[in-house]
PDB file of N, CA and C in Angstrom:
ATOM      1  N   MET A   1      68.396  86.941 212.543  1.00  0.00           N
ATOM      2  CA  MET A   1      67.606  86.345 211.593  1.00  0.00           C
ATOM      3  C   MET A   1      67.979  86.719 210.120  1.00  0.00           C
ATOM      4  N   ALA A   2      67.831  85.795 209.224  1.00  0.00           N
ATOM      5  CA  ALA A   2      68.255  86.112 207.813  1.00  0.00           C
ATOM      6  C   ALA A   2      67.379  87.137 207.256  1.00  0.00           C
ATOM      7  N   SER A   3      67.963  87.911 206.226  1.00  0.00           N
ATOM      8  CA  SER A   3      67.256  88.948 205.669  1.00  0.00           C
ATOM      9  C   SER A   3      66.427  88.436 204.377  1.00  0.00           C
ATOM     10  N   GLY A   4      66.712  87.072 204.022  1.00  0.00           N
ATOM     11  CA  GLY A   4      66.013  86.572 202.897  1.00  0.00           C
ATOM     12  C   GLY A   4      66.736  86.825 201.600  1.00  0.00           C
ATOM     13  N   LYS A   5      67.926  87.328 201.652  1.00  0.00           N
ATOM     14  CA  LYS A   5      68.785  87.582 200.462  1.00  0.00           C
ATOM     15  C   LYS A   5      69.680  86.393 200.226  1.00  0.00           C
ATOM     16  N   GLN A   6      69.885  85.984 198.962  1.00  0.00           N
ATOM     17  CA  GLN A   6      70.880  84.873 198.640  1.00  0.00           C
ATOM     18  C   GLN A   6      72.256  85.413 198.714  1.00  0.00           C
ATOM     19  N   PRO A   7      73.178  84.668 199.336  1.00  0.00           N
ATOM     20  CA  PRO A   7      74.559  85.191 199.399  1.00  0.00           C
ATOM     21  C   PRO A   7      75.096  85.110 198.075  1.00  0.00           C
ATOM     22  N   ILE A   8      75.985  86.113 197.675  1.00  0.00           N
ATOM     23  CA  ILE A   8      76.605  86.191 196.315  1.00  0.00           C
ATOM     24  C   ILE A   8      78.039  85.798 196.452  1.00  0.00           C
ATOM     25  N   THR A   9      78.557  84.948 195.620  1.00  0.00           N
ATOM     26  CA  THR A   9      79.929  84.438 195.635  1.00  0.00           C
ATOM     27  C   THR A   9      80.627  85.204 194.476  1.00  0.00           C
ATOM     28  N   ASP A  10      81.917  85.392 194.692  1.00  0.00           N
ATOM     29  CA  ASP A  10      82.727  85.934 193.547  1.00  0.00           C
ATOM     30  C   ASP A  10      82.941  84.963 192.539  1.00  0.00           C
ATOM     31  N   ASN A  11      83.138  83.697 192.918  1.00  0.00           N
ATOM     32  CA  ASN A  11      83.442  82.537 191.992  1.00  0.00           C
ATOM     33  C   ASN A  11      82.534  81.486 192.022  1.00  0.00           C
ATOM     34  N   PRO A  12      81.355  81.579 191.315  1.00  0.00           N
ATOM     35  CA  PRO A  12      80.361  80.491 191.344  1.00  0.00           C
ATOM     36  C   PRO A  12      80.937  79.258 190.680  1.00  0.00           C
ATOM     37  N   GLU A  13      80.453  78.012 191.271  1.00  0.00           N
ATOM     38  CA  GLU A  13      81.012  76.936 190.465  1.00  0.00           C
ATOM     39  C   GLU A  13      80.122  76.607 189.363  1.00  0.00           C
ATOM     40  N   ASN A  14      80.895  75.917 188.372  1.00  0.00           N
ATOM     41  CA  ASN A  14      80.215  75.588 187.102  1.00  0.00           C
ATOM     42  C   ASN A  14      79.205  74.396 187.460  1.00  0.00           C
ATOM     43  N   LEU A  15      77.990  74.597 186.858  1.00  0.00           N
ATOM     44  CA  LEU A  15      76.934  73.629 187.268  1.00  0.00           C
ATOM     45  C   LEU A  15      77.196  72.253 186.716  1.00  0.00           C
ATOM     46  N   ASN A  16      77.752  72.087 185.560  1.00  0.00           N
ATOM     47  CA  ASN A  16      78.054  70.754 185.112  1.00  0.00           C
ATOM     48  C   ASN A  16      79.082  69.953 185.893  1.00  0.00           C
ATOM     49  N   GLN A  17      80.108  70.808 186.361  1.00  0.00           N
ATOM     50  CA  GLN A  17      81.034  70.154 187.171  1.00  0.00           C
ATOM     51  C   GLN A  17      80.503  69.793 188.577  1.00  0.00           C
ATOM     52  N   LEU A  18      79.722  70.592 189.140  1.00  0.00           N
ATOM     53  CA  LEU A  18      79.018  70.279 190.312  1.00  0.00           C
ATOM     54  C   LEU A  18      78.107  69.084 190.220  1.00  0.00           C
ATOM     55  N   LEU A  19      77.436  69.021 189.229  1.00  0.00           N
ATOM     56  CA  LEU A  19      76.518  67.857 189.042  1.00  0.00           C
ATOM     57  C   LEU A  19      77.426  66.609 188.855  1.00  0.00           C
ATOM     58  N   LYS A  20      78.414  66.489 188.093  1.00  0.00           N
ATOM     59  CA  LYS A  20      79.390  65.483 187.962  1.00  0.00           C
ATOM     60  C   LYS A  20      79.856  64.940 189.298  1.00  0.00           C
ATOM     61  N   LYS A  21      80.296  65.905 190.118  1.00  0.00           N
ATOM     62  CA  LYS A  21      80.848  65.749 191.381  1.00  0.00           C
ATOM     63  C   LYS A  21      79.888  65.012 192.285  1.00  0.00           C
ATOM     64  N   GLU A  22      78.535  65.584 192.272  1.00  0.00           N
ATOM     65  CA  GLU A  22      77.562  65.019 193.170  1.00  0.00           C
ATOM     66  C   GLU A  22      77.047  63.703 192.675  1.00  0.00           C
ATOM     67  N   GLN A  23      77.084  63.446 191.283  1.00  0.00           N
ATOM     68  CA  GLN A  23      76.769  62.068 190.779  1.00  0.00           C
ATOM     69  C   GLN A  23      77.664  61.106 191.142  1.00  0.00           C
ATOM     70  N   ARG A  24      79.064  61.404 191.096  1.00  0.00           N
ATOM     71  CA  ARG A  24      80.138  60.551 191.504  1.00  0.00           C
ATOM     72  C   ARG A  24      79.990  60.078 193.019  1.00  0.00           C
ATOM     73  N   ASP A  25      79.674  61.029 193.690  1.00  0.00           N
ATOM     74  CA  ASP A  25      79.461  60.841 195.348  1.00  0.00           C
ATOM     75  C   ASP A  25      78.294  60.063 195.537  1.00  0.00           C
ATOM     76  N   TYR A  26      77.192  60.225 194.966  1.00  0.00           N
ATOM     77  CA  TYR A  26      75.954  59.525 195.382  1.00  0.00           C
ATOM     78  C   TYR A  26      75.356  58.613 194.446  1.00  0.00           C
ATOM     79  N   ASP A  27      75.872  58.283 193.413  1.00  0.00           N
ATOM     80  CA  ASP A  27      75.244  57.511 192.321  1.00  0.00           C
ATOM     81  C   ASP A  27      76.054  56.195 192.285  1.00  0.00           C
ATOM     82  N   CYS A  28      75.528  55.087 192.620  1.00  0.00           N
ATOM     83  CA  CYS A  28      76.147  53.933 192.649  1.00  0.00           C
ATOM     84  C   CYS A  28      75.539  52.921 191.654  1.00  0.00           C
ATOM     85  N   MET A  29      76.202  52.865 190.430  1.00  0.00           N
ATOM     86  CA  MET A  29      75.540  52.168 189.414  1.00  0.00           C
ATOM     87  C   MET A  29      75.659  50.564 189.528  1.00  0.00           C
ATOM     88  N   PRO A  30      76.756  50.075 190.156  1.00  0.00           N
ATOM     89  CA  PRO A  30      76.806  48.643 190.474  1.00  0.00           C
ATOM     90  C   PRO A  30      75.784  48.253 191.531  1.00  0.00           C
ATOM     91  N   CYS A  31      75.455  49.149 192.315  1.00  0.00           N
ATOM     92  CA  CYS A  31      74.501  48.939 193.450  1.00  0.00           C
ATOM     93  C   CYS A  31      72.992  48.798 192.704  1.00  0.00           C
ATOM     94  N   ARG A  32      72.869  49.615 191.870  1.00  0.00           N
ATOM     95  CA  ARG A  32      71.511  49.686 191.168  1.00  0.00           C
ATOM     96  C   ARG A  32      71.374  48.489 190.256  1.00  0.00           C
ATOM     97  N   GLY A  33      72.487  48.119 189.600  1.00  0.00           N
ATOM     98  CA  GLY A  33      72.445  46.966 188.635  1.00  0.00           C
ATOM     99  C   GLY A  33      72.277  45.598 189.413  1.00  0.00           C
ATOM    100  N   SER A  34      72.863  45.463 190.686  1.00  0.00           N
ATOM    101  CA  SER A  34      72.840  44.251 191.450  1.00  0.00           C
ATOM    102  C   SER A  34      71.293  44.218 192.138  1.00  0.00           C
ATOM    103  N   ALA A  35      70.769  45.386 192.307  1.00  0.00           N
ATOM    104  CA  ALA A  35      69.410  45.392 192.766  1.00  0.00           C
ATOM    105  C   ALA A  35      68.407  44.888 191.815  1.00  0.00           C
ATOM    106  N   PHE A  36      68.543  45.335 190.466  1.00  0.00           N
ATOM    107  CA  PHE A  36      67.710  44.921 189.521  1.00  0.00           C
ATOM    108  C   PHE A  36      67.947  43.479 189.192  1.00  0.00           C
ATOM    109  N   LEU A  37      69.283  42.986 189.204  1.00  0.00           N
ATOM    110  CA  LEU A  37      69.392  41.445 188.992  1.00  0.00           C
ATOM    111  C   LEU A  37      68.919  40.650 190.126  1.00  0.00           C
ATOM    112  N   GLY A  38      68.888  41.123 191.390  1.00  0.00           N
ATOM    113  CA  GLY A  38      68.182  40.452 192.486  1.00  0.00           C
ATOM    114  C   GLY A  38      66.817  40.353 192.388  1.00  0.00           C
ATOM    115  N   LEU A  39      66.206  41.507 191.920  1.00  0.00           N
ATOM    116  CA  LEU A  39      64.774  41.594 191.824  1.00  0.00           C
ATOM    117  C   LEU A  39      64.270  40.640 190.604  1.00  0.00           C
ATOM    118  N   ALA A  40      65.207  40.546 189.626  1.00  0.00           N
ATOM    119  CA  ALA A  40      64.815  39.640 188.555  1.00  0.00           C
ATOM    120  C   ALA A  40      64.738  38.124 188.967  1.00  0.00           C
ATOM    121  N   GLY A  41      65.789  37.756 189.631  1.00  0.00           N
ATOM    122  CA  GLY A  41      65.864  36.406 190.255  1.00  0.00           C
ATOM    123  C   GLY A  41      64.640  36.260 191.189  1.00  0.00           C
ATOM    124  N   TYR A  42      64.388  37.136 192.120  1.00  0.00           N
ATOM    125  CA  TYR A  42      63.269  36.963 193.159  1.00  0.00           C
ATOM    126  C   TYR A  42      61.940  36.782 192.383  1.00  0.00           C
ATOM    127  N   SER A  43      61.688  37.833 191.379  1.00  0.00           N
ATOM    128  CA  SER A  43      60.380  37.690 190.677  1.00  0.00           C
ATOM    129  C   SER A  43      60.217  36.393 189.933  1.00  0.00           C
ATOM    130  N   TYR A  44      61.377  35.941 189.320  1.00  0.00           N
ATOM    131  CA  TYR A  44      61.082  34.678 188.402  1.00  0.00           C
ATOM    132  C   TYR A  44      60.891  33.561 189.462  1.00  0.00           C
ATOM    133  N   PHE A  45      61.667  33.317 190.540  1.00  0.00           N
ATOM    134  CA  PHE A  45      61.524  32.092 191.289  1.00  0.00           C
ATOM    135  C   PHE A  45      60.230  32.210 192.106  1.00  0.00           C
ATOM    136  N   SER A  46      59.984  33.304 192.781  1.00  0.00           N
ATOM    137  CA  SER A  46      58.749  33.365 193.527  1.00  0.00           C
ATOM    138  C   SER A  46      57.510  33.336 192.605  1.00  0.00           C
ATOM    139  N   GLY A  47      57.485  33.908 191.437  1.00  0.00           N
ATOM    140  CA  GLY A  47      56.416  33.868 190.574  1.00  0.00           C
ATOM    141  C   GLY A  47      56.042  32.480 190.085  1.00  0.00           C
ATOM    142  N   MET A  48      57.187  31.820 189.686  1.00  0.00           N
ATOM    143  CA  MET A  48      56.963  30.390 189.285  1.00  0.00           C
ATOM    144  C   MET A  48      56.479  29.510 190.366  1.00  0.00           C
ATOM    145  N   SER A  49      57.081  29.834 191.595  1.00  0.00           N
ATOM    146  CA  SER A  49      56.614  29.032 192.715  1.00  0.00           C
ATOM    147  C   SER A  49      55.051  29.269 193.016  1.00  0.00           C
ATOM    148  N   GLN A  50      54.603  30.520 193.031  1.00  0.00           N
ATOM    149  CA  GLN A  50      53.216  30.901 193.177  1.00  0.00           C
ATOM    150  C   GLN A  50      52.362  30.368 192.158  1.00  0.00           C
ATOM    151  N   LEU A  51      52.850  30.267 190.892  1.00  0.00           N
ATOM    152  CA  LEU A  51      52.088  29.753 189.776  1.00  0.00           C
ATOM    153  C   LEU A  51      51.889  28.179 189.986  1.00  0.00           C
ATOM    154  N   GLN A  52      52.860  27.600 190.358  1.00  0.00           N
ATOM    155  CA  GLN A  52      52.704  26.049 190.577  1.00  0.00           C
ATOM    156  C   GLN A  52      51.826  25.787 191.865  1.00  0.00           C
ATOM    157  N   LYS A  53      51.776  26.789 192.847  1.00  0.00           N
ATOM    158  CA  LYS A  53      50.932  26.561 193.997  1.00  0.00           C
ATOM    159  C   LYS A  53      49.425  26.667 193.496  1.00  0.00           C
ATOM    160  N   GLN A  54      49.224  27.699 192.665  1.00  0.00           N
ATOM    161  CA  GLN A  54      47.857  27.995 192.243  1.00  0.00           C
ATOM    162  C   GLN A  54      47.334  27.329 190.960  1.00  0.00           C
ATOM    163  N   ARG A  55      48.268  26.345 190.517  1.00  0.00           N
ATOM    164  CA  ARG A  55      47.948  25.701 189.188  1.00  0.00           C
ATOM    165  C   ARG A  55      46.457  25.178 189.019  1.00  0.00           C
ATOM    166  N   GLU A  56      46.045  24.368 190.051  1.00  0.00           N
ATOM    167  CA  GLU A  56      44.706  23.771 190.058  1.00  0.00           C
ATOM    168  C   GLU A  56      43.630  24.807 190.045  1.00  0.00           C
ATOM    169  N   VAL A  57      43.764  25.848 190.913  1.00  0.00           N
ATOM    170  CA  VAL A  57      42.743  26.887 190.923  1.00  0.00           C
ATOM    171  C   VAL A  57      42.665  27.637 189.649  1.00  0.00           C
ATOM    172  N   ILE A  58      43.846  27.811 188.989  1.00  0.00           N
ATOM    173  CA  ILE A  58      43.834  28.616 187.833  1.00  0.00           C
ATOM    174  C   ILE A  58      43.203  27.776 186.730  1.00  0.00           C
ATOM    175  N   LEU A  59      43.578  26.456 186.636  1.00  0.00           N
ATOM    176  CA  LEU A  59      42.935  25.623 185.564  1.00  0.00           C
ATOM    177  C   LEU A  59      41.469  25.366 185.809  1.00  0.00           C
ATOM    178  N   LYS A  60      40.942  25.352 186.993  1.00  0.00           N
ATOM    179  CA  LYS A  60      39.538  25.135 187.284  1.00  0.00           C
ATOM    180  C   LYS A  60      38.700  26.283 186.824  1.00  0.00           C
ATOM    181  N   SER A  61      39.256  27.532 186.975  1.00  0.00           N
ATOM    182  CA  SER A  61      38.507  28.747 186.655  1.00  0.00           C
ATOM    183  C   SER A  61      38.301  28.899 185.093  1.00  0.00           C
ATOM    184  N   ASN A  62      38.891  28.098 184.287  1.00  0.00           N
ATOM    185  CA  ASN A  62      38.892  28.161 182.812  1.00  0.00           C
ATOM    186  C   ASN A  62      39.302  29.562 182.367  1.00  0.00           C
ATOM    187  N   PRO A  63      40.499  29.878 182.629  1.00  0.00           N
ATOM    188  CA  PRO A  63      41.054  31.176 182.330  1.00  0.00           C
ATOM    189  C   PRO A  63      41.236  31.555 180.845  1.00  0.00           C
ATOM    190  N   TRP A  64      41.185  32.799 180.510  1.00  0.00           N
ATOM    191  CA  TRP A  64      41.421  33.275 179.162  1.00  0.00           C
ATOM    192  C   TRP A  64      42.872  33.013 178.874  1.00  0.00           C
ATOM    193  N   LEU A  65      43.850  33.303 179.865  1.00  0.00           N
ATOM    194  CA  LEU A  65      45.219  33.105 179.761  1.00  0.00           C
ATOM    195  C   LEU A  65      45.492  31.771 180.345  1.00  0.00           C
ATOM    196  N   GLY A  66      46.143  30.880 179.607  1.00  0.00           N
ATOM    197  CA  GLY A  66      46.618  29.692 180.303  1.00  0.00           C
ATOM    198  C   GLY A  66      47.758  29.675 181.000  1.00  0.00           C
ATOM    199  N   MET A  67      48.339  28.602 181.365  1.00  0.00           N
ATOM    200  CA  MET A  67      49.586  28.459 182.167  1.00  0.00           C
ATOM    201  C   MET A  67      50.744  28.922 181.402  1.00  0.00           C
ATOM    202  N   ARG A  68      50.758  28.574 180.103  1.00  0.00           N
ATOM    203  CA  ARG A  68      51.982  28.850 179.351  1.00  0.00           C
ATOM    204  C   ARG A  68      52.101  30.339 179.165  1.00  0.00           C
ATOM    205  N   SER A  69      51.056  31.097 178.953  1.00  0.00           N
ATOM    206  CA  SER A  69      51.252  32.555 178.797  1.00  0.00           C
ATOM    207  C   SER A  69      51.601  33.197 180.076  1.00  0.00           C
ATOM    208  N   ARG A  70      51.031  32.509 181.152  1.00  0.00           N
ATOM    209  CA  ARG A  70      51.402  33.196 182.465  1.00  0.00           C
ATOM    210  C   ARG A  70      52.902  32.981 182.698  1.00  0.00           C
ATOM    211  N   LYS A  71      53.351  31.804 182.396  1.00  0.00           N
ATOM    212  CA  LYS A  71      54.769  31.551 182.719  1.00  0.00           C
ATOM    213  C   LYS A  71      55.740  32.459 181.722  1.00  0.00           C
ATOM    214  N   MET A  72      55.204  32.653 180.472  1.00  0.00           N
ATOM    215  CA  MET A  72      55.874  33.565 179.515  1.00  0.00           C
ATOM    216  C   MET A  72      55.912  34.993 180.035  1.00  0.00           C
ATOM    217  N   GLY A  73      54.766  35.412 180.814  1.00  0.00           N
ATOM    218  CA  GLY A  73      54.687  36.760 181.228  1.00  0.00           C
ATOM    219  C   GLY A  73      55.808  36.769 182.507  1.00  0.00           C
ATOM    220  N   ILE A  74      55.795  35.897 183.450  1.00  0.00           N
ATOM    221  CA  ILE A  74      56.732  35.869 184.501  1.00  0.00           C
ATOM    222  C   ILE A  74      58.250  35.965 183.891  1.00  0.00           C
ATOM    223  N   THR A  75      58.508  35.089 182.922  1.00  0.00           N
ATOM    224  CA  THR A  75      59.783  35.009 182.321  1.00  0.00           C
ATOM    225  C   THR A  75      60.129  36.405 181.690  1.00  0.00           C
ATOM    226  N   GLY A  76      59.269  36.843 180.965  1.00  0.00           N
ATOM    227  CA  GLY A  76      59.530  38.143 180.229  1.00  0.00           C
ATOM    228  C   GLY A  76      59.753  39.284 181.183  1.00  0.00           C
ATOM    229  N   LEU A  77      58.964  39.321 182.339  1.00  0.00           N
ATOM    230  CA  LEU A  77      59.154  40.389 183.323  1.00  0.00           C
ATOM    231  C   LEU A  77      60.658  40.226 183.912  1.00  0.00           C
ATOM    232  N   SER A  78      60.937  38.863 184.243  1.00  0.00           N
ATOM    233  CA  SER A  78      62.270  38.679 184.845  1.00  0.00           C
ATOM    234  C   SER A  78      63.390  39.037 183.841  1.00  0.00           C
ATOM    235  N   LEU A  79      63.315  38.554 182.681  1.00  0.00           N
ATOM    236  CA  LEU A  79      64.247  38.991 181.649  1.00  0.00           C
ATOM    237  C   LEU A  79      64.392  40.507 181.501  1.00  0.00           C
ATOM    238  N   GLY A  80      63.362  41.242 181.588  1.00  0.00           N
ATOM    239  CA  GLY A  80      63.401  42.665 181.458  1.00  0.00           C
ATOM    240  C   GLY A  80      64.153  43.360 182.633  1.00  0.00           C
ATOM    241  N   LEU A  81      63.801  42.732 183.792  1.00  0.00           N
ATOM    242  CA  LEU A  81      64.609  43.344 184.838  1.00  0.00           C
ATOM    243  C   LEU A  81      66.096  43.029 184.975  1.00  0.00           C
ATOM    244  N   ALA A  82      66.225  41.751 184.465  1.00  0.00           N
ATOM    245  CA  ALA A  82      67.764  41.364 184.355  1.00  0.00           C
ATOM    246  C   ALA A  82      68.399  42.166 183.269  1.00  0.00           C
ATOM    247  N   TRP A  83      67.865  42.404 182.226  1.00  0.00           N
ATOM    248  CA  TRP A  83      68.530  43.298 181.161  1.00  0.00           C
ATOM    249  C   TRP A  83      68.733  44.689 181.643  1.00  0.00           C
ATOM    250  N   MET A  84      67.764  45.209 182.444  1.00  0.00           N
ATOM    251  CA  MET A  84      68.023  46.613 183.098  1.00  0.00           C
ATOM    252  C   MET A  84      69.208  46.453 184.005  1.00  0.00           C
ATOM    253  N   GLY A  85      69.361  45.385 184.883  1.00  0.00           N
ATOM    254  CA  GLY A  85      70.518  45.312 185.739  1.00  0.00           C
ATOM    255  C   GLY A  85      71.790  45.096 185.041  1.00  0.00           C
ATOM    256  N   LEU A  86      71.727  44.357 183.852  1.00  0.00           N
ATOM    257  CA  LEU A  86      73.067  44.287 183.230  1.00  0.00           C
ATOM    258  C   LEU A  86      73.410  45.628 182.556  1.00  0.00           C
ATOM    259  N   TYR A  87      72.432  46.412 182.103  1.00  0.00           N
ATOM    260  CA  TYR A  87      72.627  47.622 181.444  1.00  0.00           C
ATOM    261  C   TYR A  87      73.156  48.485 182.474  1.00  0.00           C
ATOM    262  N   ARG A  88      72.723  48.561 183.798  1.00  0.00           N
ATOM    263  CA  ARG A  88      73.163  49.483 184.805  1.00  0.00           C
ATOM    264  C   ARG A  88      74.679  48.965 185.181  1.00  0.00           C
ATOM    265  N   LEU A  89      74.959  47.729 185.131  1.00  0.00           N
ATOM    266  CA  LEU A  89      76.282  47.261 185.548  1.00  0.00           C
ATOM    267  C   LEU A  89      77.254  47.661 184.549  1.00  0.00           C
ATOM    268  N   PHE A  90      77.110  47.508 183.327  1.00  0.00           N
ATOM    269  CA  PHE A  90      78.085  47.892 182.229  1.00  0.00           C
ATOM    270  C   PHE A  90      77.990  49.101 181.466  1.00  0.00           C
ATOM    271  N   ALA A  91      76.948  49.829 181.627  1.00  0.00           N
ATOM    272  CA  ALA A  91      76.751  51.083 180.952  1.00  0.00           C
ATOM    273  C   ALA A  91      77.313  52.280 181.638  1.00  0.00           C
TER     274      ALA A  91
END
């Protein structure tokens, strides 16, 4: 059974080099970027589809926010996600 002491090494690794190596091995920026772009496309198309399906119900309820502002909200959200995806791809 272990005595609970940390092993001491003669040559400890530099923390910055270790973090860079770990980031290179496990951080996939193109994967993250494409995930954000896919999420942007999905949120735009599914959001607009659901908005068109619920159009009559929304207009009957006399909403404070009309259809135009809801469309702008969906578009803005999708553009924000797409921008984050492009940033992850090229930064």
